Each structure stands twice: as structure tokens, then as C-alpha cells.
PDB file of all heavy atoms in Angstrom:
ATOM      1  N   ALA A   1     126.015  99.269 107.449  1.00  0.00           N
ATOM      2  CA  ALA A   1     125.114  98.343 106.656  1.00  0.00           C
ATOM      3  C   ALA A   1     125.380  98.397 105.174  1.00  0.00           C
ATOM      4  O   ALA A   1     124.726  97.682 104.421  1.00  0.00           O
ATOM      5  CB  ALA A   1     123.661  98.782 106.900  1.00  0.00           C
ATOM      6  N   GLY A   2     126.372  99.235 104.738  1.00  0.00           N
ATOM      7  CA  GLY A   2     126.755  99.270 103.366  1.00  0.00           C
ATOM      8  C   GLY A   2     125.862 100.154 102.559  1.00  0.00           C
ATOM      9  O   GLY A   2     125.736  99.950 101.288  1.00  0.00           O
ATOM     10  N   THR A   3     125.254 101.140 103.143  1.00  0.00           N
ATOM     11  CA  THR A   3     124.397 102.095 102.410  1.00  0.00           C
ATOM     12  C   THR A   3     124.684 103.481 102.891  1.00  0.00           C
ATOM     13  O   THR A   3     125.616 103.739 103.659  1.00  0.00           O
ATOM     14  CB  THR A   3     122.915 101.714 102.556  1.00  0.00           C
ATOM     15  OG1 THR A   3     122.126 102.525 101.694  1.00  0.00           O
ATOM     16  CG2 THR A   3     122.426 101.816 103.972  1.00  0.00           C
ATOM     17  N   ASP A   4     123.925 104.466 102.388  1.00  0.00           N
ATOM     18  CA  ASP A   4     124.037 105.839 102.858  1.00  0.00           C
ATOM     19  C   ASP A   4     122.856 106.164 103.718  1.00  0.00           C
ATOM     20  O   ASP A   4     121.938 105.397 103.950  1.00  0.00           O
ATOM     21  CB  ASP A   4     124.168 106.796 101.710  1.00  0.00           C
ATOM     22  CG  ASP A   4     123.016 106.744 100.701  1.00  0.00           C
ATOM     23  OD1 ASP A   4     121.958 106.139 101.054  1.00  0.00           O
ATOM     24  OD2 ASP A   4     123.148 107.191  99.560  1.00  0.00           O
ATOM     25  N   LEU A   5     122.880 107.411 104.230  1.00  0.00           N
ATOM     26  CA  LEU A   5     121.791 107.810 105.153  1.00  0.00           C
ATOM     27  C   LEU A   5     120.417 107.734 104.471  1.00  0.00           C
ATOM     28  O   LEU A   5     119.447 107.244 105.126  1.00  0.00           O
ATOM     29  CB  LEU A   5     122.070 109.231 105.696  1.00  0.00           C
ATOM     30  CG  LEU A   5     121.001 109.762 106.716  1.00  0.00           C
ATOM     31  CD1 LEU A   5     120.869 108.870 107.926  1.00  0.00           C
ATOM     32  CD2 LEU A   5     121.353 111.144 107.095  1.00  0.00           C
ATOM     33  N   ALA A   6     120.304 108.117 103.250  1.00  0.00           N
ATOM     34  CA  ALA A   6     119.019 108.076 102.555  1.00  0.00           C
ATOM     35  C   ALA A   6     118.540 106.657 102.401  1.00  0.00           C
ATOM     36  O   ALA A   6     117.353 106.360 102.661  1.00  0.00           O
ATOM     37  CB  ALA A   6     119.134 108.702 101.147  1.00  0.00           C
ATOM     38  N   GLY A   7     119.447 105.728 102.064  1.00  0.00           N
ATOM     39  CA  GLY A   7     119.038 104.317 101.962  1.00  0.00           C
ATOM     40  C   GLY A   7     118.656 103.746 103.256  1.00  0.00           C
ATOM     41  O   GLY A   7     117.669 102.963 103.374  1.00  0.00           O
ATOM     42  N   PHE A   8     119.432 104.090 104.294  1.00  0.00           N
ATOM     43  CA  PHE A   8     119.038 103.546 105.646  1.00  0.00           C
ATOM     44  C   PHE A   8     117.703 104.134 106.139  1.00  0.00           C
ATOM     45  O   PHE A   8     116.922 103.428 106.756  1.00  0.00           O
ATOM     46  CB  PHE A   8     120.198 103.904 106.562  1.00  0.00           C
ATOM     47  CG  PHE A   8     120.115 103.169 107.916  1.00  0.00           C
ATOM     48  CD1 PHE A   8     120.298 101.813 108.012  1.00  0.00           C
ATOM     49  CD2 PHE A   8     119.819 103.827 109.128  1.00  0.00           C
ATOM     50  CE1 PHE A   8     120.238 101.094 109.178  1.00  0.00           C
ATOM     51  CE2 PHE A   8     119.752 103.139 110.328  1.00  0.00           C
ATOM     52  CZ  PHE A   8     119.995 101.786 110.323  1.00  0.00           C
ATOM     53  N   THR A   9     117.509 105.441 105.851  1.00  0.00           N
ATOM     54  CA  THR A   9     116.262 106.059 106.238  1.00  0.00           C
ATOM     55  C   THR A   9     115.096 105.376 105.524  1.00  0.00           C
ATOM     56  O   THR A   9     114.037 105.221 106.153  1.00  0.00           O
ATOM     57  CB  THR A   9     116.286 107.569 105.874  1.00  0.00           C
ATOM     58  OG1 THR A   9     117.340 108.236 106.605  1.00  0.00           O
ATOM     59  CG2 THR A   9     115.002 108.260 106.252  1.00  0.00           C
ATOM     60  N   SER A  10     115.238 105.031 104.268  1.00  0.00           N
ATOM     61  CA  SER A  10     114.211 104.269 103.526  1.00  0.00           C
ATOM     62  C   SER A  10     113.840 103.013 104.238  1.00  0.00           C
ATOM     63  O   SER A  10     112.640 102.626 104.344  1.00  0.00           O
ATOM     64  CB  SER A  10     114.643 104.052 102.079  1.00  0.00           C
ATOM     65  OG  SER A  10     113.794 103.178 101.429  1.00  0.00           O
ATOM     66  N   GLN A  11     114.833 102.281 104.684  1.00  0.00           N
ATOM     67  CA  GLN A  11     114.632 101.028 105.434  1.00  0.00           C
ATOM     68  C   GLN A  11     113.975 101.301 106.802  1.00  0.00           C
ATOM     69  O   GLN A  11     113.020 100.541 107.158  1.00  0.00           O
ATOM     70  CB  GLN A  11     115.980 100.313 105.593  1.00  0.00           C
ATOM     71  CG  GLN A  11     116.585  99.813 104.339  1.00  0.00           C
ATOM     72  CD  GLN A  11     117.950  99.230 104.508  1.00  0.00           C
ATOM     73  OE1 GLN A  11     118.147  98.441 105.434  1.00  0.00           O
ATOM     74  NE2 GLN A  11     118.924  99.579 103.648  1.00  0.00           N
ATOM     75  N   LEU A  12     114.384 102.307 107.458  1.00  0.00           N
ATOM     76  CA  LEU A  12     113.722 102.664 108.734  1.00  0.00           C
ATOM     77  C   LEU A  12     112.306 103.025 108.549  1.00  0.00           C
ATOM     78  O   LEU A  12     111.400 102.770 109.369  1.00  0.00           O
ATOM     79  CB  LEU A  12     114.463 103.819 109.409  1.00  0.00           C
ATOM     80  CG  LEU A  12     115.770 103.424 110.181  1.00  0.00           C
ATOM     81  CD1 LEU A  12     116.446 104.709 110.693  1.00  0.00           C
ATOM     82  CD2 LEU A  12     115.453 102.504 111.359  1.00  0.00           C
ATOM     83  N   ASP A  13     111.985 103.767 107.389  1.00  0.00           N
ATOM     84  CA  ASP A  13     110.615 104.203 107.144  1.00  0.00           C
ATOM     85  C   ASP A  13     109.663 103.051 107.004  1.00  0.00           C
ATOM     86  O   ASP A  13     108.433 103.205 107.265  1.00  0.00           O
ATOM     87  CB  ASP A  13     110.609 105.031 105.855  1.00  0.00           C
ATOM     88  CG  ASP A  13     111.183 106.368 106.060  1.00  0.00           C
ATOM     89  OD1 ASP A  13     111.358 106.820 107.211  1.00  0.00           O
ATOM     90  OD2 ASP A  13     111.506 107.071 104.982  1.00  0.00           O
ATOM     91  N   SER A  14     110.142 101.829 106.630  1.00  0.00           N
ATOM     92  CA  SER A  14     109.229 100.719 106.486  1.00  0.00           C
ATOM     93  C   SER A  14     109.538  99.666 107.598  1.00  0.00           C
ATOM     94  O   SER A  14     109.186  98.447 107.442  1.00  0.00           O
ATOM     95  CB  SER A  14     109.427 100.055 105.109  1.00  0.00           C
ATOM     96  OG  SER A  14     110.775  99.829 104.780  1.00  0.00           O
ATOM     97  N   THR A  15     110.049 100.194 108.688  1.00  0.00           N
ATOM     98  CA  THR A  15     110.284  99.345 109.909  1.00  0.00           C
ATOM     99  C   THR A  15     109.626 100.074 111.086  1.00  0.00           C
ATOM    100  O   THR A  15     109.889 101.267 111.245  1.00  0.00           O
ATOM    101  CB  THR A  15     111.783  99.194 110.189  1.00  0.00           C
ATOM    102  OG1 THR A  15     112.408  98.648 109.012  1.00  0.00           O
ATOM    103  CG2 THR A  15     112.024  98.272 111.274  1.00  0.00           C
ATOM    104  N   GLU A  16     108.818  99.389 111.780  1.00  0.00           N
ATOM    105  CA  GLU A  16     108.176  99.965 112.996  1.00  0.00           C
ATOM    106  C   GLU A  16     109.096  99.712 114.148  1.00  0.00           C
ATOM    107  O   GLU A  16     109.032  98.695 114.875  1.00  0.00           O
ATOM    108  CB  GLU A  16     106.807  99.324 113.264  1.00  0.00           C
ATOM    109  CG  GLU A  16     105.984  99.950 114.375  1.00  0.00           C
ATOM    110  CD  GLU A  16     105.603 101.433 114.037  1.00  0.00           C
ATOM    111  OE1 GLU A  16     105.415 101.702 112.831  1.00  0.00           O
ATOM    112  OE2 GLU A  16     105.448 102.183 114.999  1.00  0.00           O
ATOM    113  N   MET A  17     110.049 100.667 114.326  1.00  0.00           N
ATOM    114  CA  MET A  17     111.023 100.539 115.483  1.00  0.00           C
ATOM    115  C   MET A  17     110.352 100.892 116.765  1.00  0.00           C
ATOM    116  O   MET A  17     109.543 101.869 116.847  1.00  0.00           O
ATOM    117  CB  MET A  17     112.168 101.518 115.225  1.00  0.00           C
ATOM    118  CG  MET A  17     113.088 101.186 114.010  1.00  0.00           C
ATOM    119  SD  MET A  17     113.944  99.616 114.141  1.00  0.00           S
ATOM    120  CE  MET A  17     114.982  99.931 115.561  1.00  0.00           C
ATOM    121  N   PHE A  18     110.652 100.134 117.725  1.00  0.00           N
ATOM    122  CA  PHE A  18     110.126 100.389 119.101  1.00  0.00           C
ATOM    123  C   PHE A  18     111.164 101.193 119.900  1.00  0.00           C
ATOM    124  O   PHE A  18     111.988 100.607 120.599  1.00  0.00           O
ATOM    125  CB  PHE A  18     109.749  99.084 119.839  1.00  0.00           C
ATOM    126  CG  PHE A  18     108.668  98.305 119.196  1.00  0.00           C
ATOM    127  CD1 PHE A  18     108.712  96.951 119.035  1.00  0.00           C
ATOM    128  CD2 PHE A  18     107.509  98.971 118.660  1.00  0.00           C
ATOM    129  CE1 PHE A  18     107.677  96.193 118.415  1.00  0.00           C
ATOM    130  CE2 PHE A  18     106.518  98.238 118.031  1.00  0.00           C
ATOM    131  CZ  PHE A  18     106.621  96.888 117.936  1.00  0.00           C
ATOM    132  N   TYR A  19     111.195 102.451 119.658  1.00  0.00           N
ATOM    133  CA  TYR A  19     112.190 103.329 120.295  1.00  0.00           C
ATOM    134  C   TYR A  19     111.990 103.400 121.846  1.00  0.00           C
ATOM    135  O   TYR A  19     112.932 103.579 122.573  1.00  0.00           O
ATOM    136  CB  TYR A  19     112.160 104.735 119.729  1.00  0.00           C
ATOM    137  CG  TYR A  19     112.613 104.808 118.328  1.00  0.00           C
ATOM    138  CD1 TYR A  19     111.705 104.960 117.230  1.00  0.00           C
ATOM    139  CD2 TYR A  19     113.973 104.639 117.961  1.00  0.00           C
ATOM    140  CE1 TYR A  19     112.139 105.004 115.913  1.00  0.00           C
ATOM    141  CE2 TYR A  19     114.401 104.697 116.628  1.00  0.00           C
ATOM    142  CZ  TYR A  19     113.457 104.866 115.620  1.00  0.00           C
ATOM    143  OH  TYR A  19     113.919 104.940 114.318  1.00  0.00           O
ATOM    144  N   GLU A  20     110.762 103.237 122.254  1.00  0.00           N
ATOM    145  CA  GLU A  20     110.424 103.303 123.687  1.00  0.00           C
ATOM    146  C   GLU A  20     110.021 101.863 124.139  1.00  0.00           C
ATOM    147  O   GLU A  20     109.284 101.171 123.456  1.00  0.00           O
ATOM    148  CB  GLU A  20     109.280 104.273 123.906  1.00  0.00           C
ATOM    149  CG  GLU A  20     109.544 105.702 123.442  1.00  0.00           C
ATOM    150  CD  GLU A  20     110.617 106.407 124.305  1.00  0.00           C
ATOM    151  OE1 GLU A  20     110.829 105.962 125.394  1.00  0.00           O
ATOM    152  OE2 GLU A  20     111.176 107.399 123.760  1.00  0.00           O
ATOM    153  N   PRO A  21     110.405 101.511 125.367  1.00  0.00           N
ATOM    154  CA  PRO A  21     109.994 100.179 125.810  1.00  0.00           C
ATOM    155  C   PRO A  21     108.462 100.011 125.940  1.00  0.00           C
ATOM    156  O   PRO A  21     107.959  98.928 125.725  1.00  0.00           O
ATOM    157  CB  PRO A  21     110.655 100.088 127.228  1.00  0.00           C
ATOM    158  CG  PRO A  21     111.098 101.501 127.591  1.00  0.00           C
ATOM    159  CD  PRO A  21     111.310 102.200 126.247  1.00  0.00           C
ATOM    160  N   ALA A  22     107.765 101.108 126.162  1.00  0.00           N
ATOM    161  CA  ALA A  22     106.292 101.022 126.244  1.00  0.00           C
ATOM    162  C   ALA A  22     105.734 100.517 124.949  1.00  0.00           C
ATOM    163  O   ALA A  22     104.749  99.786 124.917  1.00  0.00           O
ATOM    164  CB  ALA A  22     105.717 102.393 126.626  1.00  0.00           C
ATOM    165  N   ASP A  23     106.350 100.924 123.795  1.00  0.00           N
ATOM    166  CA  ASP A  23     105.864 100.497 122.490  1.00  0.00           C
ATOM    167  C   ASP A  23     106.079  99.004 122.279  1.00  0.00           C
ATOM    168  O   ASP A  23     105.186  98.300 121.767  1.00  0.00           O
ATOM    169  CB  ASP A  23     106.542 101.283 121.383  1.00  0.00           C
ATOM    170  CG  ASP A  23     106.317 102.795 121.474  1.00  0.00           C
ATOM    171  OD1 ASP A  23     105.200 103.178 121.912  1.00  0.00           O
ATOM    172  OD2 ASP A  23     107.192 103.625 121.093  1.00  0.00           O
ATOM    173  N   ALA A  24     107.240  98.535 122.729  1.00  0.00           N
ATOM    174  CA  ALA A  24     107.514  97.123 122.622  1.00  0.00           C
ATOM    175  C   ALA A  24     106.572  96.267 123.553  1.00  0.00           C
ATOM    176  O   ALA A  24     106.132  95.199 123.143  1.00  0.00           O
ATOM    177  CB  ALA A  24     109.004  96.825 123.022  1.00  0.00           C
ATOM    178  N   LEU A  25     106.331  96.852 124.702  1.00  0.00           N
ATOM    179  CA  LEU A  25     105.437  96.114 125.630  1.00  0.00           C
ATOM    180  C   LEU A  25     104.036  96.001 125.131  1.00  0.00           C
ATOM    181  O   LEU A  25     103.365  94.956 125.356  1.00  0.00           O
ATOM    182  CB  LEU A  25     105.423  96.884 127.039  1.00  0.00           C
ATOM    183  CG  LEU A  25     106.697  96.735 127.809  1.00  0.00           C
ATOM    184  CD1 LEU A  25     106.691  97.775 128.937  1.00  0.00           C
ATOM    185  CD2 LEU A  25     106.868  95.317 128.378  1.00  0.00           C
ATOM    186  N   GLU A  26     103.545  97.006 124.393  1.00  0.00           N
ATOM    187  CA  GLU A  26     102.206  96.948 123.812  1.00  0.00           C
ATOM    188  C   GLU A  26     102.018  95.740 122.946  1.00  0.00           C
ATOM    189  O   GLU A  26     101.042  95.008 123.027  1.00  0.00           O
ATOM    190  CB  GLU A  26     101.926  98.229 123.096  1.00  0.00           C
ATOM    191  CG  GLU A  26     100.436  98.303 122.553  1.00  0.00           C
ATOM    192  CD  GLU A  26     100.124  99.601 121.851  1.00  0.00           C
ATOM    193  OE1 GLU A  26     100.980 100.537 121.928  1.00  0.00           O
ATOM    194  OE2 GLU A  26      99.059  99.707 121.243  1.00  0.00           O
ATOM    195  N   LEU A  27     103.020  95.465 122.082  1.00  0.00           N
ATOM    196  CA  LEU A  27     102.940  94.277 121.206  1.00  0.00           C
ATOM    197  C   LEU A  27     103.186  92.979 121.988  1.00  0.00           C
ATOM    198  O   LEU A  27     102.430  92.064 121.837  1.00  0.00           O
ATOM    199  CB  LEU A  27     103.966  94.412 120.052  1.00  0.00           C
ATOM    200  CG  LEU A  27     104.059  93.151 119.168  1.00  0.00           C
ATOM    201  CD1 LEU A  27     102.773  92.956 118.456  1.00  0.00           C
ATOM    202  CD2 LEU A  27     105.219  93.327 118.156  1.00  0.00           C
ATOM    203  N   THR A  28     104.227  93.011 122.826  1.00  0.00           N
ATOM    204  CA  THR A  28     104.618  91.819 123.548  1.00  0.00           C
ATOM    205  C   THR A  28     103.499  91.268 124.442  1.00  0.00           C
ATOM    206  O   THR A  28     103.295  90.091 124.575  1.00  0.00           O
ATOM    207  CB  THR A  28     105.868  92.078 124.389  1.00  0.00           C
ATOM    208  OG1 THR A  28     106.877  92.580 123.577  1.00  0.00           O
ATOM    209  CG2 THR A  28     106.390  90.780 125.025  1.00  0.00           C
ATOM    210  N   ASN A  29     102.759  92.218 125.056  1.00  0.00           N
ATOM    211  CA  ASN A  29     101.705  91.734 126.012  1.00  0.00           C
ATOM    212  C   ASN A  29     100.328  91.506 125.346  1.00  0.00           C
ATOM    213  O   ASN A  29      99.412  91.106 125.991  1.00  0.00           O
ATOM    214  CB  ASN A  29     101.536  92.865 127.098  1.00  0.00           C
ATOM    215  CG  ASN A  29     102.744  93.050 127.980  1.00  0.00           C
ATOM    216  OD1 ASN A  29     103.445  92.056 128.158  1.00  0.00           O
ATOM    217  ND2 ASN A  29     102.926  94.222 128.542  1.00  0.00           N
ATOM    218  N   SER A  30     100.331  91.740 124.027  1.00  0.00           N
ATOM    219  CA  SER A  30      99.012  91.645 123.324  1.00  0.00           C
ATOM    220  C   SER A  30      98.571  90.259 122.999  1.00  0.00           C
ATOM    221  O   SER A  30      99.303  89.332 122.856  1.00  0.00           O
ATOM    222  CB  SER A  30      99.061  92.497 122.018  1.00  0.00           C
ATOM    223  OG  SER A  30      99.916  91.831 121.088  1.00  0.00           O
ATOM    224  N   GLN A  31      97.241  90.112 122.861  1.00  0.00           N
ATOM    225  CA  GLN A  31      96.628  88.899 122.365  1.00  0.00           C
ATOM    226  C   GLN A  31      97.059  88.633 120.921  1.00  0.00           C
ATOM    227  O   GLN A  31      97.181  87.545 120.444  1.00  0.00           O
ATOM    228  CB  GLN A  31      95.151  88.953 122.534  1.00  0.00           C
ATOM    229  CG  GLN A  31      94.379  87.660 122.248  1.00  0.00           C
ATOM    230  CD  GLN A  31      94.637  86.625 123.373  1.00  0.00           C
ATOM    231  OE1 GLN A  31      94.729  86.977 124.498  1.00  0.00           O
ATOM    232  NE2 GLN A  31      94.699  85.327 123.051  1.00  0.00           N
ATOM    233  N   LYS A  32      97.326  89.729 120.197  1.00  0.00           N
ATOM    234  CA  LYS A  32      97.699  89.623 118.778  1.00  0.00           C
ATOM    235  C   LYS A  32      98.975  88.893 118.579  1.00  0.00           C
ATOM    236  O   LYS A  32      99.111  88.083 117.681  1.00  0.00           O
ATOM    237  CB  LYS A  32      97.834  91.039 118.205  1.00  0.00           C
ATOM    238  CG  LYS A  32      98.345  90.985 116.749  1.00  0.00           C
ATOM    239  CD  LYS A  32      98.428  92.418 116.117  1.00  0.00           C
ATOM    240  CE  LYS A  32      99.145  92.439 114.798  1.00  0.00           C
ATOM    241  NZ  LYS A  32      98.713  91.423 113.860  1.00  0.00           N
ATOM    242  N   LEU A  33      99.949  89.069 119.471  1.00  0.00           N
ATOM    243  CA  LEU A  33     101.206  88.328 119.377  1.00  0.00           C
ATOM    244  C   LEU A  33     100.946  86.840 119.507  1.00  0.00           C
ATOM    245  O   LEU A  33     101.559  86.015 118.777  1.00  0.00           O
ATOM    246  CB  LEU A  33     102.198  88.778 120.505  1.00  0.00           C
ATOM    247  CG  LEU A  33     103.449  87.975 120.522  1.00  0.00           C
ATOM    248  CD1 LEU A  33     104.292  88.134 119.286  1.00  0.00           C
ATOM    249  CD2 LEU A  33     104.335  88.426 121.732  1.00  0.00           C
ATOM    250  N   LEU A  34     100.072  86.439 120.399  1.00  0.00           N
ATOM    251  CA  LEU A  34      99.739  84.972 120.618  1.00  0.00           C
ATOM    252  C   LEU A  34      99.164  84.454 119.295  1.00  0.00           C
ATOM    253  O   LEU A  34      99.532  83.395 118.871  1.00  0.00           O
ATOM    254  CB  LEU A  34      98.785  84.836 121.742  1.00  0.00           C
ATOM    255  CG  LEU A  34      98.513  83.418 122.247  1.00  0.00           C
ATOM    256  CD1 LEU A  34      99.839  82.744 122.737  1.00  0.00           C
ATOM    257  CD2 LEU A  34      97.500  83.391 123.364  1.00  0.00           C
ATOM    258  N   GLN A  35      98.216  85.218 118.625  1.00  0.00           N
ATOM    259  CA  GLN A  35      97.668  84.768 117.413  1.00  0.00           C
ATOM    260  C   GLN A  35      98.725  84.717 116.311  1.00  0.00           C
ATOM    261  O   GLN A  35      98.701  83.784 115.468  1.00  0.00           O
ATOM    262  CB  GLN A  35      96.577  85.710 116.958  1.00  0.00           C
ATOM    263  CG  GLN A  35      95.809  85.329 115.687  1.00  0.00           C
ATOM    264  CD  GLN A  35      95.226  83.939 115.742  1.00  0.00           C
ATOM    265  OE1 GLN A  35      94.410  83.617 116.652  1.00  0.00           O
ATOM    266  NE2 GLN A  35      95.585  83.030 114.792  1.00  0.00           N
ATOM    267  N   THR A  36      99.573  85.713 116.238  1.00  0.00           N
ATOM    268  CA  THR A  36     100.655  85.692 115.258  1.00  0.00           C
ATOM    269  C   THR A  36     101.537  84.469 115.356  1.00  0.00           C
ATOM    270  O   THR A  36     101.883  83.867 114.372  1.00  0.00           O
ATOM    271  CB  THR A  36     101.518  86.978 115.411  1.00  0.00           C
ATOM    272  OG1 THR A  36     100.758  88.138 115.015  1.00  0.00           O
ATOM    273  CG2 THR A  36     102.818  86.907 114.561  1.00  0.00           C
ATOM    274  N   MET A  37     101.891  84.149 116.641  1.00  0.00           N
ATOM    275  CA  MET A  37     102.807  83.010 116.842  1.00  0.00           C
ATOM    276  C   MET A  37     102.079  81.675 116.467  1.00  0.00           C
ATOM    277  O   MET A  37     102.698  80.711 115.996  1.00  0.00           O
ATOM    278  CB  MET A  37     103.310  82.948 118.264  1.00  0.00           C
ATOM    279  CG  MET A  37     104.317  84.078 118.551  1.00  0.00           C
ATOM    280  SD  MET A  37     105.626  84.351 117.239  1.00  0.00           S
ATOM    281  CE  MET A  37     106.381  82.722 117.268  1.00  0.00           C
ATOM    282  N   GLN A  38     100.762  81.640 116.592  1.00  0.00           N
ATOM    283  CA  GLN A  38      99.988  80.464 116.160  1.00  0.00           C
ATOM    284  C   GLN A  38     100.085  80.408 114.643  1.00  0.00           C
ATOM    285  O   GLN A  38     100.302  79.291 114.065  1.00  0.00           O
ATOM    286  CB  GLN A  38      98.570  80.532 116.617  1.00  0.00           C
ATOM    287  CG  GLN A  38      97.726  79.354 116.093  1.00  0.00           C
ATOM    288  CD  GLN A  38      96.303  79.335 116.611  1.00  0.00           C
ATOM    289  OE1 GLN A  38      96.025  80.003 117.574  1.00  0.00           O
ATOM    290  NE2 GLN A  38      95.409  78.610 115.953  1.00  0.00           N
ATOM    291  N   ASN A  39      99.895  81.515 113.951  1.00  0.00           N
ATOM    292  CA  ASN A  39     100.036  81.567 112.466  1.00  0.00           C
ATOM    293  C   ASN A  39     101.397  81.066 112.006  1.00  0.00           C
ATOM    294  O   ASN A  39     101.547  80.232 111.079  1.00  0.00           O
ATOM    295  CB  ASN A  39      99.810  82.971 111.941  1.00  0.00           C
ATOM    296  CG  ASN A  39      98.394  83.503 112.121  1.00  0.00           C
ATOM    297  OD1 ASN A  39      97.452  82.686 112.297  1.00  0.00           O
ATOM    298  ND2 ASN A  39      98.239  84.774 112.007  1.00  0.00           N
ATOM    299  N   VAL A  40     102.461  81.566 112.698  1.00  0.00           N
ATOM    300  CA  VAL A  40     103.823  81.185 112.395  1.00  0.00           C
ATOM    301  C   VAL A  40     104.025  79.698 112.689  1.00  0.00           C
ATOM    302  O   VAL A  40     104.663  79.012 111.806  1.00  0.00           O
ATOM    303  CB  VAL A  40     104.825  81.985 113.213  1.00  0.00           C
ATOM    304  CG1 VAL A  40     106.198  81.488 113.072  1.00  0.00           C
ATOM    305  CG2 VAL A  40     104.782  83.492 112.769  1.00  0.00           C
ATOM    306  N   ALA A  41     103.517  79.181 113.738  1.00  0.00           N
ATOM    307  CA  ALA A  41     103.681  77.806 114.081  1.00  0.00           C
ATOM    308  C   ALA A  41     102.933  76.913 113.032  1.00  0.00           C
ATOM    309  O   ALA A  41     103.506  75.876 112.641  1.00  0.00           O
ATOM    310  CB  ALA A  41     103.150  77.500 115.476  1.00  0.00           C
TER     311      ALA A  41
END
């Protein structure tokens, strides 16, 4: 990515990574996602 570990860690710290599929499923299956996509649309 053109940075060092500290720089990349800083970016990861402000990114909610879904390391487990269960975490991704919680957002994907939520009513909140539907509302978000309405806002985006």
C-alpha cells in the first residue's frame, strides 16, 4: 500500500474490518443496511 506497518495499523484502527463472517452477516442482514442504501440512493 506504500506505507509502513504503523501507517497501515492507523488505517486499520479506523476501519471496522469484518474478520469473521458472522460480523459481516450482522450488518448485511440488518434493517440498518436497507436504510443506509436508501440514504445513498
